[in-house]
Amino acid sequence: MKTIGENADVKSFTMPDEVRTFPKGRVELVTIGGAMVGRAIFEPGWRWSTSVQPLVNTKSCEAPHFQYHVAGRLHVVMDDGSEFDCGPGDVSLLPTGHDAWVVGDEPAVVVDFQGMVDYARSGR
């Protein structure tokens, strides 16, 4: 972390504070200004219900997300049955209760400003 002046800090995902891995993906976490920000990289074939659900043992993803989509495409299905795609340049706000998976051959990369504190942490 670089401290700049009295109140400014800079951190980089090239040196994350923590990395959580799971089948076909990983989350890189940095804590800055009292908040945790995560960069998730989901490889082709990644799906929450097969890659992360076995770690957390919940019916669907219980982490709320406020995300900026950097690359690739994700298909999201909410527990209420609504579904949509997110791609590069999109900003999504997902409440708890969803599944998602990578669409296509390109990794999906998202930066999440809300839901990464417990994401993919086993034994929740």
N, C-alpha and C. Protein backbone atom coordinates (compact mmCIF):
# COMPACT_ATOMS: atom_id res chain seq x y z
N MET A 1 0.85 -1.17 0.00
CA MET A 1 0.00 0.00 0.00
C MET A 1 0.89 1.23 0.00
N LYS A 2 0.49 2.20 -0.77
CA LYS A 2 1.18 3.48 -0.79
C LYS A 2 0.36 4.47 0.02
N THR A 3 0.96 5.12 0.99
CA THR A 3 0.28 6.18 1.72
C THR A 3 0.70 7.49 1.08
N ILE A 4 -0.28 8.25 0.68
CA ILE A 4 -0.04 9.51 -0.02
C ILE A 4 -0.66 10.61 0.82
N GLY A 5 0.16 11.46 1.39
CA GLY A 5 -0.39 12.49 2.26
C GLY A 5 -0.94 11.85 3.52
N GLU A 6 -1.87 12.53 4.16
CA GLU A 6 -2.42 12.02 5.41
C GLU A 6 -3.58 11.06 5.21
N ASN A 7 -4.38 11.23 4.15
CA ASN A 7 -5.61 10.47 4.03
C ASN A 7 -5.79 9.69 2.73
N ALA A 8 -4.81 9.70 1.87
CA ALA A 8 -4.96 9.02 0.58
C ALA A 8 -4.10 7.76 0.57
N ASP A 9 -4.67 6.68 0.04
CA ASP A 9 -3.95 5.41 -0.08
C ASP A 9 -4.18 4.84 -1.47
N VAL A 10 -3.26 4.02 -1.93
CA VAL A 10 -3.39 3.32 -3.20
C VAL A 10 -3.01 1.86 -2.96
N LYS A 11 -3.82 0.96 -3.45
CA LYS A 11 -3.51 -0.47 -3.40
C LYS A 11 -3.68 -1.03 -4.80
N SER A 12 -3.10 -2.21 -5.03
CA SER A 12 -3.15 -2.81 -6.36
C SER A 12 -3.57 -4.27 -6.26
N PHE A 13 -4.36 -4.71 -7.24
CA PHE A 13 -4.70 -6.13 -7.32
C PHE A 13 -3.49 -6.97 -7.71
N THR A 14 -2.38 -6.35 -8.14
CA THR A 14 -1.17 -7.12 -8.42
C THR A 14 -0.54 -7.64 -7.14
N MET A 15 -0.89 -7.05 -6.01
CA MET A 15 -0.43 -7.51 -4.70
C MET A 15 -1.63 -7.52 -3.74
N PRO A 16 -2.58 -8.43 -3.95
CA PRO A 16 -3.78 -8.45 -3.12
C PRO A 16 -3.48 -8.84 -1.68
N ASP A 17 -4.35 -8.42 -0.77
CA ASP A 17 -4.23 -8.81 0.63
C ASP A 17 -4.59 -10.28 0.84
N GLU A 18 -5.48 -10.79 0.00
CA GLU A 18 -5.94 -12.17 0.12
C GLU A 18 -6.39 -12.65 -1.25
N VAL A 19 -6.20 -13.95 -1.51
CA VAL A 19 -6.69 -14.57 -2.74
C VAL A 19 -7.47 -15.82 -2.33
N ARG A 20 -8.69 -15.94 -2.83
CA ARG A 20 -9.50 -17.14 -2.60
C ARG A 20 -9.68 -17.83 -3.94
N THR A 21 -9.35 -19.10 -3.99
CA THR A 21 -9.47 -19.86 -5.23
C THR A 21 -10.56 -20.91 -5.09
N PHE A 22 -11.13 -21.26 -6.21
CA PHE A 22 -12.17 -22.27 -6.30
C PHE A 22 -12.13 -22.79 -7.71
N PRO A 23 -12.81 -23.90 -8.01
CA PRO A 23 -12.73 -24.44 -9.36
C PRO A 23 -13.09 -23.40 -10.43
N LYS A 24 -12.19 -23.24 -11.38
CA LYS A 24 -12.37 -22.34 -12.53
C LYS A 24 -12.48 -20.87 -12.16
N GLY A 25 -11.91 -20.48 -11.01
CA GLY A 25 -11.95 -19.07 -10.67
C GLY A 25 -11.17 -18.70 -9.44
N ARG A 26 -11.07 -17.39 -9.23
CA ARG A 26 -10.42 -16.86 -8.03
C ARG A 26 -10.95 -15.45 -7.77
N VAL A 27 -10.81 -15.04 -6.51
CA VAL A 27 -11.14 -13.68 -6.11
C VAL A 27 -9.90 -13.11 -5.44
N GLU A 28 -9.48 -11.94 -5.91
CA GLU A 28 -8.35 -11.22 -5.32
C GLU A 28 -8.94 -10.07 -4.52
N LEU A 29 -8.52 -9.94 -3.25
CA LEU A 29 -9.13 -8.96 -2.35
C LEU A 29 -8.12 -7.94 -1.86
N VAL A 30 -8.53 -6.69 -1.84
CA VAL A 30 -7.76 -5.63 -1.21
C VAL A 30 -8.67 -4.90 -0.24
N THR A 31 -8.09 -4.51 0.89
CA THR A 31 -8.83 -3.72 1.87
C THR A 31 -8.20 -2.33 1.87
N ILE A 32 -9.05 -1.35 1.69
CA ILE A 32 -8.57 0.03 1.63
C ILE A 32 -9.66 0.95 2.17
N GLY A 33 -9.28 1.89 2.98
CA GLY A 33 -10.26 2.83 3.53
C GLY A 33 -11.35 2.16 4.34
N GLY A 34 -11.04 1.01 4.94
CA GLY A 34 -12.03 0.29 5.72
C GLY A 34 -13.00 -0.54 4.90
N ALA A 35 -12.81 -0.59 3.58
CA ALA A 35 -13.70 -1.37 2.71
C ALA A 35 -12.90 -2.46 2.00
N MET A 36 -13.58 -3.56 1.69
CA MET A 36 -12.95 -4.64 0.93
C MET A 36 -13.47 -4.59 -0.50
N VAL A 37 -12.55 -4.60 -1.46
CA VAL A 37 -12.89 -4.61 -2.87
C VAL A 37 -12.30 -5.89 -3.46
N GLY A 38 -13.07 -6.55 -4.31
CA GLY A 38 -12.61 -7.79 -4.88
C GLY A 38 -12.61 -7.76 -6.40
N ARG A 39 -11.59 -8.37 -6.97
CA ARG A 39 -11.57 -8.61 -8.41
C ARG A 39 -11.73 -10.10 -8.60
N ALA A 40 -12.80 -10.48 -9.28
CA ALA A 40 -13.08 -11.89 -9.53
C ALA A 40 -12.75 -12.22 -10.98
N ILE A 41 -12.07 -13.34 -11.17
CA ILE A 41 -11.76 -13.84 -12.50
C ILE A 41 -12.42 -15.22 -12.59
N PHE A 42 -13.40 -15.33 -13.48
CA PHE A 42 -14.13 -16.57 -13.69
C PHE A 42 -13.77 -17.12 -15.06
N GLU A 43 -13.21 -18.31 -15.10
CA GLU A 43 -12.79 -18.93 -16.35
C GLU A 43 -13.99 -19.52 -17.09
N PRO A 44 -13.87 -19.72 -18.41
CA PRO A 44 -14.94 -20.40 -19.14
C PRO A 44 -15.28 -21.73 -18.45
N GLY A 45 -16.56 -22.00 -18.31
CA GLY A 45 -17.02 -23.19 -17.62
C GLY A 45 -17.34 -22.95 -16.15
N TRP A 46 -16.96 -21.76 -15.61
CA TRP A 46 -17.29 -21.45 -14.22
C TRP A 46 -18.79 -21.24 -14.08
N ARG A 47 -19.33 -21.77 -13.00
CA ARG A 47 -20.72 -21.53 -12.62
C ARG A 47 -20.77 -21.51 -11.10
N TRP A 48 -21.45 -20.52 -10.54
CA TRP A 48 -21.50 -20.40 -9.09
C TRP A 48 -21.96 -21.70 -8.45
N SER A 49 -23.04 -22.30 -8.97
CA SER A 49 -23.65 -23.47 -8.34
C SER A 49 -22.76 -24.72 -8.37
N THR A 50 -21.76 -24.76 -9.22
CA THR A 50 -20.86 -25.91 -9.24
C THR A 50 -19.46 -25.57 -8.72
N SER A 51 -19.06 -24.30 -8.77
CA SER A 51 -17.71 -23.91 -8.35
C SER A 51 -17.65 -23.37 -6.94
N VAL A 52 -18.67 -22.64 -6.50
CA VAL A 52 -18.63 -21.97 -5.20
C VAL A 52 -19.63 -22.58 -4.21
N GLN A 53 -20.79 -22.99 -4.69
CA GLN A 53 -21.82 -23.53 -3.80
C GLN A 53 -21.30 -24.66 -2.91
N PRO A 54 -20.49 -25.59 -3.43
CA PRO A 54 -19.99 -26.65 -2.55
C PRO A 54 -19.13 -26.13 -1.39
N LEU A 55 -18.53 -24.95 -1.54
CA LEU A 55 -17.72 -24.36 -0.46
C LEU A 55 -18.58 -23.73 0.62
N VAL A 56 -19.69 -23.11 0.23
CA VAL A 56 -20.47 -22.31 1.17
C VAL A 56 -21.75 -22.99 1.63
N ASN A 57 -22.17 -24.04 0.92
CA ASN A 57 -23.35 -24.82 1.30
C ASN A 57 -24.62 -24.00 1.48
N THR A 58 -24.88 -23.11 0.53
CA THR A 58 -26.14 -22.37 0.50
C THR A 58 -26.86 -22.71 -0.80
N LYS A 59 -28.17 -22.53 -0.81
CA LYS A 59 -28.97 -22.88 -2.00
C LYS A 59 -28.54 -22.04 -3.21
N SER A 60 -28.33 -20.76 -2.99
CA SER A 60 -27.88 -19.85 -4.05
C SER A 60 -26.90 -18.87 -3.43
N CYS A 61 -26.33 -18.01 -4.25
CA CYS A 61 -25.35 -17.05 -3.75
C CYS A 61 -26.02 -16.06 -2.81
N GLU A 62 -25.52 -15.97 -1.59
CA GLU A 62 -26.08 -15.06 -0.60
C GLU A 62 -25.30 -13.77 -0.47
N ALA A 63 -24.28 -13.59 -1.29
CA ALA A 63 -23.51 -12.35 -1.26
C ALA A 63 -24.18 -11.32 -2.17
N PRO A 64 -24.50 -10.14 -1.64
CA PRO A 64 -24.99 -9.08 -2.53
C PRO A 64 -23.79 -8.52 -3.29
N HIS A 65 -24.01 -8.10 -4.52
CA HIS A 65 -22.91 -7.59 -5.33
C HIS A 65 -23.24 -6.23 -5.93
N PHE A 66 -22.24 -5.37 -5.94
CA PHE A 66 -22.27 -4.10 -6.66
C PHE A 66 -21.01 -4.14 -7.50
N GLN A 67 -21.16 -4.46 -8.81
CA GLN A 67 -20.02 -4.84 -9.63
C GLN A 67 -19.87 -4.01 -10.89
N TYR A 68 -18.61 -3.84 -11.27
CA TYR A 68 -18.27 -3.31 -12.59
C TYR A 68 -17.69 -4.46 -13.39
N HIS A 69 -18.26 -4.71 -14.57
CA HIS A 69 -17.85 -5.82 -15.42
C HIS A 69 -16.77 -5.35 -16.39
N VAL A 70 -15.57 -5.91 -16.23
CA VAL A 70 -14.40 -5.49 -17.00
C VAL A 70 -14.30 -6.25 -18.32
N ALA A 71 -14.50 -7.56 -18.28
CA ALA A 71 -14.32 -8.39 -19.47
C ALA A 71 -15.22 -9.61 -19.38
N GLY A 72 -15.46 -10.23 -20.53
CA GLY A 72 -16.25 -11.45 -20.58
C GLY A 72 -17.73 -11.20 -20.32
N ARG A 73 -18.50 -12.29 -20.28
CA ARG A 73 -19.94 -12.19 -20.07
C ARG A 73 -20.38 -13.16 -18.98
N LEU A 74 -21.29 -12.69 -18.14
CA LEU A 74 -21.92 -13.52 -17.13
C LEU A 74 -23.41 -13.57 -17.39
N HIS A 75 -24.00 -14.74 -17.25
CA HIS A 75 -25.45 -14.88 -17.27
C HIS A 75 -25.88 -15.07 -15.82
N VAL A 76 -26.85 -14.27 -15.38
CA VAL A 76 -27.31 -14.29 -14.00
C VAL A 76 -28.77 -14.73 -13.97
N VAL A 77 -29.09 -15.65 -13.04
CA VAL A 77 -30.47 -16.07 -12.82
C VAL A 77 -30.78 -15.83 -11.35
N MET A 78 -31.75 -14.97 -11.10
CA MET A 78 -32.17 -14.66 -9.74
C MET A 78 -33.09 -15.76 -9.22
N ASP A 79 -33.20 -15.90 -7.91
CA ASP A 79 -34.08 -16.91 -7.32
C ASP A 79 -35.54 -16.71 -7.72
N ASP A 80 -35.92 -15.48 -8.09
CA ASP A 80 -37.30 -15.23 -8.52
C ASP A 80 -37.55 -15.62 -9.97
N GLY A 81 -36.52 -16.15 -10.65
CA GLY A 81 -36.65 -16.61 -12.03
C GLY A 81 -36.22 -15.59 -13.07
N SER A 82 -36.03 -14.34 -12.70
CA SER A 82 -35.57 -13.35 -13.68
C SER A 82 -34.12 -13.64 -14.05
N GLU A 83 -33.75 -13.34 -15.30
CA GLU A 83 -32.40 -13.60 -15.75
C GLU A 83 -31.95 -12.56 -16.76
N PHE A 84 -30.63 -12.37 -16.82
CA PHE A 84 -30.06 -11.35 -17.70
C PHE A 84 -28.57 -11.61 -17.86
N ASP A 85 -27.96 -10.95 -18.84
CA ASP A 85 -26.52 -11.03 -19.08
C ASP A 85 -25.86 -9.72 -18.68
N CYS A 86 -24.61 -9.82 -18.25
CA CYS A 86 -23.78 -8.65 -17.96
C CYS A 86 -22.48 -8.79 -18.73
N GLY A 87 -22.02 -7.69 -19.31
CA GLY A 87 -20.79 -7.73 -20.09
C GLY A 87 -19.94 -6.50 -19.85
N PRO A 88 -18.85 -6.38 -20.58
CA PRO A 88 -17.90 -5.29 -20.38
C PRO A 88 -18.57 -3.92 -20.39
N GLY A 89 -18.25 -3.12 -19.39
CA GLY A 89 -18.80 -1.78 -19.26
C GLY A 89 -20.07 -1.71 -18.45
N ASP A 90 -20.68 -2.87 -18.14
CA ASP A 90 -21.91 -2.88 -17.34
C ASP A 90 -21.58 -2.73 -15.86
N VAL A 91 -22.53 -2.15 -15.14
CA VAL A 91 -22.50 -2.09 -13.69
C VAL A 91 -23.74 -2.82 -13.22
N SER A 92 -23.56 -3.79 -12.32
CA SER A 92 -24.72 -4.56 -11.85
C SER A 92 -24.84 -4.47 -10.34
N LEU A 93 -26.08 -4.50 -9.89
CA LEU A 93 -26.42 -4.54 -8.48
C LEU A 93 -27.26 -5.79 -8.28
N LEU A 94 -26.70 -6.77 -7.61
CA LEU A 94 -27.38 -8.05 -7.42
C LEU A 94 -27.66 -8.25 -5.94
N PRO A 95 -28.92 -8.42 -5.56
CA PRO A 95 -29.21 -8.77 -4.17
C PRO A 95 -28.88 -10.24 -3.94
N THR A 96 -28.99 -10.68 -2.72
CA THR A 96 -28.77 -12.09 -2.42
C THR A 96 -29.77 -12.94 -3.19
N GLY A 97 -29.40 -14.20 -3.44
CA GLY A 97 -30.30 -15.13 -4.09
C GLY A 97 -30.15 -15.19 -5.59
N HIS A 98 -29.03 -15.72 -6.07
CA HIS A 98 -28.81 -15.82 -7.51
C HIS A 98 -27.78 -16.91 -7.82
N ASP A 99 -27.77 -17.32 -9.07
CA ASP A 99 -26.74 -18.18 -9.64
C ASP A 99 -26.20 -17.40 -10.83
N ALA A 100 -25.00 -17.73 -11.28
CA ALA A 100 -24.41 -17.05 -12.44
C ALA A 100 -23.39 -17.98 -13.07
N TRP A 101 -23.15 -17.76 -14.37
CA TRP A 101 -22.13 -18.55 -15.05
C TRP A 101 -21.55 -17.76 -16.22
N VAL A 102 -20.34 -18.18 -16.61
CA VAL A 102 -19.63 -17.55 -17.73
C VAL A 102 -20.29 -18.00 -19.03
N VAL A 103 -20.49 -17.05 -19.92
CA VAL A 103 -21.02 -17.32 -21.25
C VAL A 103 -19.86 -17.13 -22.24
N GLY A 104 -19.59 -18.13 -23.06
CA GLY A 104 -18.57 -18.01 -24.09
C GLY A 104 -17.21 -18.51 -23.65
N ASP A 105 -16.20 -18.15 -24.45
CA ASP A 105 -14.84 -18.68 -24.28
C ASP A 105 -13.90 -17.70 -23.59
N GLU A 106 -14.37 -16.54 -23.20
CA GLU A 106 -13.51 -15.53 -22.58
C GLU A 106 -13.76 -15.50 -21.08
N PRO A 107 -12.70 -15.40 -20.26
CA PRO A 107 -12.92 -15.26 -18.82
C PRO A 107 -13.74 -14.01 -18.52
N ALA A 108 -14.59 -14.10 -17.51
CA ALA A 108 -15.34 -12.94 -17.03
C ALA A 108 -14.56 -12.34 -15.87
N VAL A 109 -14.36 -11.04 -15.93
CA VAL A 109 -13.63 -10.32 -14.89
C VAL A 109 -14.54 -9.22 -14.36
N VAL A 110 -14.76 -9.22 -13.04
CA VAL A 110 -15.60 -8.19 -12.42
C VAL A 110 -14.87 -7.61 -11.22
N VAL A 111 -15.11 -6.34 -10.96
CA VAL A 111 -14.63 -5.69 -9.75
C VAL A 111 -15.86 -5.43 -8.89
N ASP A 112 -15.86 -5.98 -7.68
CA ASP A 112 -17.01 -5.95 -6.80
C ASP A 112 -16.71 -5.06 -5.60
N PHE A 113 -17.58 -4.08 -5.37
CA PHE A 113 -17.40 -3.11 -4.30
C PHE A 113 -18.24 -3.41 -3.07
N GLN A 114 -18.99 -4.53 -3.06
CA GLN A 114 -19.89 -4.76 -1.94
C GLN A 114 -19.83 -6.17 -1.36
N GLY A 115 -19.87 -7.21 -2.16
CA GLY A 115 -20.18 -8.53 -1.64
C GLY A 115 -19.03 -9.49 -1.44
N MET A 116 -17.81 -9.01 -1.27
CA MET A 116 -16.68 -9.93 -1.26
C MET A 116 -16.17 -10.32 0.13
N VAL A 117 -16.70 -9.75 1.19
CA VAL A 117 -16.19 -10.04 2.52
C VAL A 117 -16.23 -11.54 2.80
N ASP A 118 -17.34 -12.20 2.53
CA ASP A 118 -17.47 -13.64 2.79
C ASP A 118 -17.53 -14.48 1.52
N TYR A 119 -17.38 -13.89 0.36
CA TYR A 119 -17.55 -14.62 -0.90
C TYR A 119 -16.54 -15.77 -1.01
N ALA A 120 -17.04 -16.96 -1.32
CA ALA A 120 -16.21 -18.15 -1.54
C ALA A 120 -15.38 -18.52 -0.31
N ARG A 121 -15.84 -18.13 0.86
CA ARG A 121 -15.17 -18.53 2.09
C ARG A 121 -15.86 -19.79 2.59
N SER A 122 -15.10 -20.86 2.73
CA SER A 122 -15.71 -22.12 3.14
C SER A 122 -16.12 -22.06 4.61
N GLY A 123 -17.13 -22.86 4.93
CA GLY A 123 -17.60 -22.95 6.30
C GLY A 123 -18.37 -21.76 6.81
N ARG A 124 -19.00 -21.02 5.91
CA ARG A 124 -19.78 -19.84 6.33
C ARG A 124 -20.94 -20.23 7.17
